[in-house]
Structures are given as C-alpha cells and as structure tokens.
Protein backbone atom coordinates (compact mmCIF):
# COMPACT_ATOMS: atom_id res chain seq x y z
CA MET A 1 0.00 0.00 0.00
CA ARG A 2 1.48 3.33 -1.12
CA ILE A 3 0.02 6.45 0.54
CA GLY A 4 0.92 9.91 -0.71
CA PHE A 5 0.64 13.24 1.12
CA LEU A 6 0.61 16.18 -1.29
CA PHE A 7 1.61 19.78 -0.55
CA ASN A 8 0.83 21.87 -3.61
CA HIS A 9 0.61 25.54 -2.68
CA ASP A 10 2.63 28.74 -2.83
CA GLN A 11 2.80 29.01 0.95
CA ILE A 12 3.41 26.59 3.82
CA HIS A 13 0.21 27.11 5.79
CA GLN A 14 -1.37 23.75 4.91
CA ILE A 15 1.56 21.62 6.04
CA GLY A 16 0.49 21.58 9.68
CA HIS A 17 -2.87 20.11 8.78
CA SER A 18 -1.62 16.85 7.26
CA LEU A 19 2.13 16.34 7.68
CA PRO A 20 1.66 15.42 11.37
CA ILE A 21 -0.60 12.59 10.14
CA ALA A 22 2.14 11.24 7.86
CA MET A 23 4.56 11.43 10.78
CA ALA A 24 2.13 9.60 13.08
CA LEU A 25 1.71 6.87 10.46
CA ALA A 26 5.48 6.46 10.28
CA GLN A 27 5.92 6.46 14.06
CA GLY A 28 3.04 4.00 14.46
CA GLY A 29 4.71 1.40 12.28
CA PHE A 30 2.49 1.60 9.20
CA GLU A 31 3.61 -1.28 7.00
CA GLY A 32 3.08 0.39 3.64
CA GLU A 33 5.03 3.13 1.92
CA ILE A 34 4.52 6.75 3.00
CA VAL A 35 5.36 9.37 0.39
CA VAL A 36 5.34 13.13 0.98
CA ALA A 37 5.30 15.15 -2.26
CA THR A 38 6.13 18.86 -2.43
CA THR A 39 5.92 21.20 -5.40
CA ASN A 40 8.35 24.02 -4.58
CA GLU A 41 11.46 24.60 -2.51
CA ARG A 42 9.62 26.59 0.18
CA LEU A 43 7.38 23.61 0.89
CA ALA A 44 10.26 21.16 0.65
CA GLN A 45 12.31 23.05 3.23
CA GLU A 46 9.42 23.19 5.69
CA VAL A 47 8.69 19.48 5.28
CA ARG A 48 12.36 18.69 5.91
CA ARG A 49 12.39 20.90 8.99
CA VAL A 50 9.23 19.47 10.53
CA ALA A 51 9.62 15.79 9.63
CA GLY A 52 13.30 15.69 10.54
CA SER A 53 14.84 12.23 10.73
CA LEU A 54 11.59 10.53 9.70
CA LEU A 55 12.18 11.83 6.20
CA GLU A 56 13.91 9.18 4.13
CA SER A 57 14.12 6.78 7.09
CA ARG A 58 10.36 6.08 7.23
CA ILE A 59 8.93 8.69 4.85
CA THR A 60 9.96 9.10 1.22
CA HIS A 61 10.17 12.70 0.01
CA VAL A 62 9.38 13.37 -3.67
CA GLU A 63 9.80 16.82 -5.21
CA LEU A 64 7.39 17.25 -8.11
CA SER A 65 7.99 19.72 -10.92
CA LEU A 66 6.28 21.26 -13.93
CA ALA A 67 7.01 20.50 -17.55
CA PRO A 68 8.93 23.30 -19.38
CA GLY A 69 5.80 24.49 -21.20
CA SER A 70 3.89 24.68 -17.93
CA GLU A 71 6.75 26.62 -16.34
CA ARG A 72 6.53 29.24 -19.06
CA LEU A 73 2.76 29.51 -18.74
CA THR A 74 3.06 29.84 -14.97
CA ARG A 75 5.53 32.71 -15.30
CA PHE A 76 2.98 34.48 -17.52
CA LEU A 77 -0.19 33.80 -15.49
CA GLY A 78 1.15 33.12 -12.01
CA LYS A 79 0.85 36.70 -10.76
CA ILE A 80 -2.92 36.51 -11.06
CA VAL A 81 -4.00 32.85 -10.84
CA PRO A 82 -2.37 29.74 -9.35
CA ALA A 83 -1.57 28.29 -12.78
CA GLY A 84 1.33 26.19 -11.54
CA LYS A 85 -0.76 24.55 -8.87
CA LEU A 86 -3.34 23.46 -11.43
CA LEU A 87 -0.90 22.33 -14.13
CA LEU A 88 1.07 20.29 -11.61
CA TYR A 89 -1.49 17.48 -11.68
CA ARG A 90 -1.36 17.04 -15.45
CA ASP A 91 2.43 17.07 -15.51
CA ASN A 92 2.81 14.39 -12.82
CA LEU A 93 0.10 11.86 -13.62
CA ASP A 94 2.56 8.95 -13.52
CA PHE A 95 3.36 9.77 -9.91
CA PHE A 96 -0.30 10.01 -8.90
CA ARG A 97 -1.09 6.74 -10.72
CA SER A 98 1.56 5.05 -8.58
CA LEU A 99 -0.40 5.78 -5.39
CA ASP A 100 -3.14 3.74 -3.76
CA MET A 101 -4.25 6.63 -1.59
CA LEU A 102 -3.68 10.39 -1.66
CA VAL A 103 -4.09 12.61 1.42
CA VAL A 104 -4.54 16.33 0.74
CA ALA A 105 -5.54 19.50 2.56
CA GLU A 106 -7.11 21.32 -0.40
CA LYS A 107 -9.66 20.58 -3.10
CA THR A 108 -7.89 21.40 -6.39
CA SER A 109 -6.50 17.85 -6.28
CA LEU A 110 -9.98 16.58 -7.23
CA LEU A 111 -8.90 17.39 -10.80
CA LEU A 112 -7.13 14.05 -10.70
CA LYS A 113 -10.53 12.39 -10.61
CA THR A 114 -12.75 14.80 -12.52
CA ARG A 115 -10.37 15.81 -15.33
CA TYR A 116 -7.65 13.18 -15.52
CA GLY A 117 -9.65 10.03 -14.88
CA LEU A 118 -7.86 8.68 -11.81
CA THR A 119 -11.13 7.41 -10.39
CA ASN A 120 -9.47 4.47 -8.63
CA LEU A 121 -7.23 6.74 -6.58
CA PHE A 122 -8.65 6.82 -3.05
CA MET A 123 -8.54 10.44 -1.89
CA VAL A 124 -8.70 11.65 1.72
CA HIS A 125 -9.33 15.32 2.50
CA THR A 126 -7.87 16.62 5.77
CA ARG A 127 -9.23 20.16 5.30
CA HIS A 128 -7.15 23.10 6.59
CA GLY A 129 -8.66 24.97 9.47
CA ALA A 130 -11.92 24.84 11.41
CA GLY A 131 -13.46 27.96 9.93
CA ASP A 132 -16.97 28.82 8.85
CA ARG A 133 -16.63 30.09 5.26
CA ALA A 134 -19.22 28.67 2.88
CA ILE A 135 -16.54 27.53 0.41
CA GLY A 136 -15.37 25.04 3.02
CA PHE A 137 -18.69 23.22 2.74
CA ASN A 138 -19.37 23.30 -0.98
CA LYS A 139 -20.29 20.26 -3.07
CA GLU A 140 -16.64 19.53 -3.92
CA SER A 141 -16.18 18.11 -0.42
CA ALA A 142 -18.40 15.20 -1.46
CA GLY A 143 -15.94 14.37 -4.25
CA PHE A 144 -13.49 12.86 -1.78
CA ASP A 145 -13.62 9.23 -0.74
CA HIS A 146 -13.14 10.20 2.90
CA VAL A 147 -12.97 13.44 4.88
CA LEU A 148 -11.19 14.01 8.18
CA CYS A 149 -12.54 16.89 10.25
CA SER A 150 -11.89 18.56 13.58
CA GLY A 151 -15.27 18.48 15.30
CA GLU A 152 -19.02 18.05 15.16
CA LYS A 153 -19.67 21.53 13.76
CA ILE A 154 -17.63 20.67 10.68
CA ARG A 155 -19.14 17.19 10.37
CA ASN A 156 -22.70 18.48 10.54
CA ARG A 157 -22.11 21.14 7.87
CA LEU A 158 -20.34 18.67 5.59
CA ILE A 159 -23.42 16.46 5.75
CA GLY A 160 -26.05 19.21 5.57
CA ASP A 161 -24.41 21.70 3.19
CA ALA A 162 -21.98 19.64 1.11
CA GLY A 163 -23.95 16.40 0.93
CA VAL A 164 -21.09 14.24 2.21
CA ASP A 165 -22.05 10.70 3.19
CA PRO A 166 -21.86 10.51 7.01
CA ASP A 167 -20.02 7.19 6.72
CA SER A 168 -17.29 8.97 4.74
CA ILE A 169 -16.44 11.40 7.57
CA SER A 170 -14.22 10.82 10.58
CA VAL A 171 -13.88 13.31 13.43
CA VAL A 172 -10.23 13.20 14.50
CA GLY A 173 -9.48 16.53 16.20
CA TYR A 174 -6.91 19.01 14.91
CA PRO A 175 -3.52 17.57 13.91
CA LYS A 176 -1.94 21.03 13.67
CA PHE A 177 -2.19 21.33 17.46
CA ASP A 178 0.15 18.34 17.77
CA MET A 179 2.81 20.06 15.68
CA VAL A 180 2.60 23.19 17.81
CA ARG A 181 2.90 21.15 20.99
CA GLN A 182 5.92 19.23 19.69
CA ASN A 183 7.76 22.37 18.58
CA GLY A 184 6.84 24.35 21.69
CA ARG A 185 6.54 27.53 19.62
CA THR A 186 5.91 30.91 21.17
CA GLN A 187 6.47 34.39 19.82
CA HIS A 188 8.16 36.77 22.22
CA ILE A 189 6.39 40.14 22.12
CA GLU A 190 6.90 42.99 24.58
CA ARG A 191 4.41 42.34 27.40
CA ASP A 192 4.17 45.74 29.09
CA ARG A 193 1.29 46.66 26.73
CA PRO A 194 -1.72 44.66 25.54
CA VAL A 195 -0.95 42.78 22.31
CA VAL A 196 -3.53 42.90 19.50
CA LEU A 197 -3.28 40.50 16.57
CA TYR A 198 -4.78 41.91 13.34
CA ASN A 199 -5.35 38.93 11.04
CA PRO A 200 -7.36 39.91 7.92
CA HIS A 201 -8.39 37.34 5.33
CA PRO A 202 -7.30 37.68 1.67
CA ALA A 203 -10.74 37.22 0.04
CA PRO A 204 -11.81 40.67 -1.29
CA HIS A 205 -15.50 40.14 -0.55
CA LEU A 206 -14.81 39.24 3.09
CA SER A 207 -11.57 40.91 4.10
CA SER A 208 -11.34 44.13 6.07
CA TRP A 209 -7.90 44.93 4.66
CA TYR A 210 -8.83 46.52 1.33
CA ASP A 211 -11.23 49.13 2.75
CA ASP A 212 -10.10 49.54 6.34
CA GLY A 213 -6.72 47.92 6.91
CA ARG A 214 -4.51 50.97 6.57
CA ALA A 215 -6.80 52.95 8.84
CA VAL A 216 -6.35 50.20 11.44
CA LEU A 217 -2.58 50.50 11.16
CA ASP A 218 -2.86 54.29 11.52
CA ILE A 219 -4.81 53.93 14.76
CA PHE A 220 -2.02 51.90 16.32
CA ARG A 221 0.65 54.20 14.90
CA ARG A 222 -1.01 57.10 16.73
CA SER A 223 -1.75 55.10 19.90
CA PRO A 224 1.39 53.46 21.31
CA ASP A 225 -0.37 52.16 24.41
CA ARG A 226 -1.02 48.84 22.62
CA GLU A 227 1.21 46.47 20.67
CA LEU A 228 -0.01 45.44 17.22
CA ILE A 229 0.97 42.27 15.39
CA PHE A 230 -0.13 42.70 11.79
CA ALA A 231 -0.03 39.12 10.51
CA PRO A 232 -2.63 38.67 7.76
CA HIS A 233 -3.43 35.38 6.07
CA VAL A 234 -0.22 34.41 4.29
CA MET A 235 -1.87 34.61 0.85
CA LEU A 236 -2.96 38.26 1.17
CA PHE A 237 0.38 39.62 -0.05
CA GLU A 238 1.70 36.51 -1.82
CA ARG A 239 0.75 37.73 -5.32
CA PRO A 240 0.23 41.21 -6.76
CA PHE A 241 -3.47 40.38 -7.23
CA VAL A 242 -5.84 38.39 -5.04
CA VAL A 243 -8.47 36.36 -6.90
CA THR A 244 -11.33 34.51 -5.21
CA ILE A 245 -13.35 31.77 -6.88
CA ASP A 246 -16.32 31.36 -4.51
CA LYS A 247 -17.42 34.90 -5.43
CA LEU A 248 -15.36 35.95 -8.41
CA ARG A 249 -13.41 39.02 -7.35
CA ILE A 250 -9.96 40.38 -8.07
CA SER A 251 -8.23 43.01 -5.95
CA ARG A 252 -4.80 44.35 -5.11
CA ALA A 253 -3.54 44.14 -1.56
CA GLY A 254 -1.08 46.91 -2.38
CA THR A 255 2.01 47.64 -0.32
CA ILE A 256 2.80 48.50 3.27
CA ARG A 257 3.78 52.14 3.48
CA HIS A 258 7.07 53.08 5.05
CA ARG A 259 5.50 55.02 7.91
CA TYR A 260 4.14 51.80 9.44
CA LEU A 261 7.61 50.30 9.66
CA HIS A 262 8.76 52.88 12.20
CA GLY A 263 7.76 52.95 15.83
CA ASP A 264 8.14 50.25 18.42
CA ASN A 265 4.56 49.04 18.80
CA ILE A 266 3.76 47.69 15.31
CA HIS A 267 5.15 44.32 14.22
CA ILE A 268 4.48 43.40 10.57
CA ASP A 269 4.73 39.84 9.24
CA LEU A 270 3.34 39.20 5.76
CA GLY A 271 4.10 35.52 5.56
CA SER A 272 6.85 34.00 7.70
CA ARG A 273 6.60 30.64 9.43
CA ALA A 274 5.37 32.43 12.57
CA SER A 275 2.25 33.43 10.63
CA THR A 276 1.36 29.76 10.18
CA ASP A 277 2.53 27.95 13.31
CA MET A 278 0.23 29.65 15.85
CA SER A 279 3.04 31.79 17.31
CA TYR A 280 0.93 34.91 17.01
CA THR A 281 -2.42 33.42 18.00
CA MET A 282 -0.76 32.13 21.17
CA ALA A 283 1.02 35.41 21.92
CA ALA A 284 -1.81 37.92 21.47
CA ASP A 285 -4.16 39.25 24.14
CA ILE A 286 -6.87 40.41 21.70
CA TYR A 287 -7.81 39.08 18.27
CA LEU A 288 -8.88 41.57 15.57
CA GLY A 289 -10.07 40.01 12.34
CA ASP A 290 -12.80 39.25 9.86
CA ALA A 291 -13.18 35.86 8.11
CA SER A 292 -9.96 33.94 8.83
CA SER A 293 -10.28 30.49 10.38
CA GLN A 294 -7.22 31.30 12.51
CA VAL A 295 -9.61 32.84 15.01
CA TYR A 296 -10.48 29.31 16.13
CA GLU A 297 -6.82 28.59 16.83
CA PHE A 298 -6.81 31.76 18.95
CA LEU A 299 -9.99 30.72 20.78
CA VAL A 300 -8.51 27.47 22.06
CA ARG A 301 -7.40 29.73 24.91
CA PRO A 302 -10.42 32.06 25.24
CA ARG A 303 -9.51 35.76 25.01
CA PRO A 304 -11.20 38.95 23.79
CA CYS A 305 -12.06 39.32 20.09
CA VAL A 306 -13.21 42.20 17.88
CA PHE A 307 -14.43 41.69 14.32
CA LEU A 308 -14.46 44.22 11.47
CA ASN A 309 -17.59 43.97 9.32
CA SER A 310 -16.24 46.17 6.52
CA HIS A 311 -18.79 44.89 3.99
CA ARG A 312 -21.86 45.45 6.19
CA ILE A 313 -22.77 41.78 6.04
CA ALA A 314 -26.03 40.67 7.67
CA TRP A 315 -24.20 38.05 9.70
CA GLU A 316 -26.39 37.16 12.64
CA GLY A 317 -27.79 33.66 12.31
CA ASN A 318 -25.52 32.98 9.31
CA PRO A 319 -23.37 29.86 9.93
CA ASP A 320 -20.69 31.29 7.62
CA PHE A 321 -20.02 33.89 10.34
CA ALA A 322 -20.56 31.79 13.45
CA HIS A 323 -17.18 32.95 14.77
CA TRP A 324 -18.48 36.53 14.98
CA GLN A 325 -20.44 35.41 18.03
CA ALA A 326 -17.09 35.32 19.87
CA GLY A 327 -16.67 39.09 20.21
CA GLU A 328 -18.02 42.51 19.37
CA VAL A 329 -18.67 43.16 15.65
CA ILE A 330 -17.95 46.71 14.48
CA SER A 331 -18.54 48.32 11.10
CA GLY A 332 -15.29 50.22 10.70
CA PRO A 333 -12.08 51.64 12.21
CA VAL A 334 -13.88 54.67 13.68
CA GLU A 335 -15.33 52.28 16.28
CA LEU A 336 -12.13 50.34 16.90
CA GLU A 337 -10.48 52.14 19.81
CA ALA A 338 -13.63 52.11 21.91
CA ALA A 339 -14.20 48.44 21.07
CA LEU A 340 -10.67 47.55 22.16
CA ASP A 341 -11.15 49.51 25.41
CA ARG A 342 -14.22 47.50 26.37
CA ALA A 343 -13.14 44.15 24.87
CA GLY A 344 -11.85 42.71 28.15
CA THR A 345 -14.97 43.58 30.10
CA LEU A 346 -17.33 42.30 27.40
CA HIS A 347 -15.30 39.12 27.15
CA GLN A 348 -15.82 38.29 30.81
CA GLN A 349 -19.45 39.40 30.88
CA ARG A 350 -20.66 37.80 27.66
CA TYR A 351 -18.25 36.30 25.18
CA ARG A 352 -16.09 33.88 27.13
CA ALA A 353 -18.90 31.34 27.56
CA ILE A 354 -19.78 31.63 23.88
CA GLN A 355 -16.15 31.07 22.91
CA GLU A 356 -15.96 27.94 25.03
CA ARG A 357 -19.04 26.58 23.28
CA LEU A 358 -17.66 27.41 19.82
CA VAL A 359 -14.37 25.68 20.59
CA ALA A 360 -16.14 22.57 21.90
CA GLU A 361 -18.22 22.40 18.71
CA SER A 362 -15.22 22.99 16.45
CA PHE A 363 -12.57 20.74 18.03
CA ASP A 364 -13.07 17.21 19.32
CA LEU A 365 -10.00 16.93 21.57
CA ASN A 366 -9.96 13.90 23.85
CA GLY A 367 -6.42 14.02 25.19
CA ARG A 368 -5.03 11.72 22.52
CA PRO A 369 -2.94 13.38 19.76
CA SER A 370 -5.19 14.21 16.82
CA SER A 371 -2.55 13.08 14.33
CA GLU A 372 -2.57 9.61 15.88
CA ARG A 373 -6.35 9.45 15.63
CA ALA A 374 -6.18 10.49 11.97
CA ALA A 375 -3.40 7.98 11.25
CA GLU A 376 -5.53 5.25 12.79
CA VAL A 377 -8.41 6.12 10.45
CA ILE A 378 -6.12 6.14 7.40
CA THR A 379 -4.60 2.80 8.40
CA ALA A 380 -8.08 1.27 8.65
CA LEU A 381 -9.08 2.75 5.28
CA ALA A 382 -5.88 1.42 3.69
CA GLU A 383 -6.47 -2.06 5.09
CA ARG A 384 -10.07 -2.04 3.91
CA ARG A 385 -8.94 -0.97 0.44
CA ARG A 386 -6.18 -3.60 0.34
CA THR A 387 -8.65 -6.31 1.30
CA ARG A 388 -11.05 -5.25 -1.46
CA VAL A 389 -8.27 -5.24 -4.06
CA LEU A 390 -7.12 -8.70 -2.99
CA GLY A 391 -10.70 -9.92 -3.06
CA ARG A 392 -11.18 -8.70 -6.62
CA ALA A 393 -7.92 -10.34 -7.66
CA VAL A 394 -9.06 -13.68 -6.23
CA VAL A 395 -12.40 -13.44 -8.03
CA GLN A 396 -10.70 -12.62 -11.33
CA ALA A 397 -8.24 -15.49 -10.93
CA ALA A 398 -11.09 -17.91 -10.28
C-alpha cells in the first residue's frame, strides 16, 4: 500500500494540517510506503524541517515539478492565478497513478478524478482549518472518498451543506495542534502593553484589509499604548493580485507604506513561518479580524475578540459567520479604539462562555494526539482498500 501526502501551494500554511498525520503513520509502524510530495522549494524546506529524521528513514520525500511548457505559462499567469498549482497534476500523472491513496488539505486535487480520470485513486481530505466560510462546505467536499474533520460543527455542515455521506467522515481533532505542541513555539512580544493581533483574510469580498486595513494601522501608529501584530493570512500579499473563486473578485492588496515600519509598537509579518505555526495566535491578548479560520486557533485559549464587518454583512444567524459570536462586531475603524477599550470587560461578561461553546463544537479533543487518531483512520481505510483489491484479484483469478 502506497500512501501519498501532497503539498501543492505557494505558501506553507497547509503543512500543519496533514504532515503530522504522515509522521504519526510512520511512528506508528504503518507497514506500507509513506510518500510526501512537495511542489516548490519553500514547501520542501518546511517538510524537511518538521519531519526531521523521519524523512527518508520512514517517509519518502518526492519533489514534483512542472514540464517546461507549464513553467513558461506559470511565469505568464502566475501573478494573477495559481496556474502552476493546477498544471502540476497534469504534468505528474505517472506519480499520482503510482499511489493507492492520496491525502490532501485542499480541493484542487480533485482534478485528478474529474479531469484526468484517476477514479481508482482513493482520496482523503484533511481540510485546513476549522473555519466557517461557505466555500469550506461546498459540493466539492463530497468528491473525496473520505474526509477528516476537527469536530461536530464541521461534520454536521459537511453532511447538511456539502452532501457528504456521514459514513465517509471521521472526526479526529486538529492535527496542527500536535505540531505546535511538539515544537513548543511561542512568539516573544513585549508584554508591558496589551498585544492585539490583526489577522485579515485575503478574500476581497470578506476581508477588512482593502477598505479599512490601513486605517487600522494608523490607529495603532497614533496610539502606542497597545502592541499590534499585523499578521494577515499568508496569501494576502503573496501575489500582486488576489483572486477569489467562490465569489469571483480580483483586488490588489497593495504595499505597506514606510511610515508603518517605524515605531516600536507595530510588528508586521506578511508571511513568515510564525504566521502559520500559531506563534501569534498564542502570543496575542486580543484578536482583531474578519473571516480567517485562525480565530479558532486563537480561541482554544479564550480571550477577547473584535471583528471588522467592513462589507456590512447581515451576519447574525448565518453559519458562515458563526465565529463573529465570539466578540463585538464593528462596522469600521472609527469604532475600533472604543471596542478595544471595552473588549476585556465584554469578554468576561458575555463572550467567554460563547467562545468555550464554539471551541467545543469545532474541536473534538480527547487528550489523545489528533494526528494519531487520523493515522488510525487512514490505516483502517488502507487495510479495507487492500482487502477489497485482494478480493477482486481472487475473483478474477477464479
């Protein structure tokens, strides 16, 4: 049995959601072959760093590449759309045909089934994050043979919104938490002032950055009584243009003006490892955001939240914005300073209990490492698949 784990993205933020599962398989003595495939040097370096000695001793690392024609097309289109990510499947079909099972954190890999005919490849979706966005529960989720999810909230929406067969879902917890625990990561920020994490999403129709982000930075520049960590979703500034497919929009994130780089209370990180490994969500005292699923990683230790509703969304009762129940929702930066002033009091009076409920619904954590639970599910799926293949072979031989 040959199981592949694919990392096919510009940034490293999905690695924590499935690499710990590959590592748990290796450490648990899985008898088949475990292959981790990366598609650029940034991903390869992070896999080497995290997997350490397991790589090559128990896990095979394969670095996939594009054909020359695809490379040229990617250089032309890559500033707007993820052309390389999509062409990668076509250019490496022999590799994907060699697998019995493929474990992925994103949905573009379904092209292997829908476009390239690899219908016998058993595909497991680990998802990436425990967020509420509607795109996380679209019909594509039902295209996978099995889905691993973090908690009952996710399972229920996969069944109700995406039409996933309940028997094809396993609740395993949140493997990324295991990686954070193993690495013991923290981010050291000056503690004599409250630390606010501003974490806007890249999607133009949801993000607060495009309309209000610079005004937020200006507020902190003028008010040095708080620390600000500006660590947006790592894809916000990855390309010159941000394109979303769930609601077709294209926008420019622009640049960070020089004036924000001076002063001792604003820390700017547009995409380092610390933006993906929970360093900032663990370090901050207050979360300021909009639609990013990272809020749930922050809420594992309940603390005050403020949400910017820059698009005047009618959010109450909408499951796509369930996380906005965790703190005060404001319509723009003009309300921000007052909201931050009262965030601690409102948290204790109202929001802490709501946060605890949201976390319990989003993460099924039973004390056992989530990556081990996920590896156990994958091992059982692999054995079931191996038994079926052997059974068909016996029937054909007879």
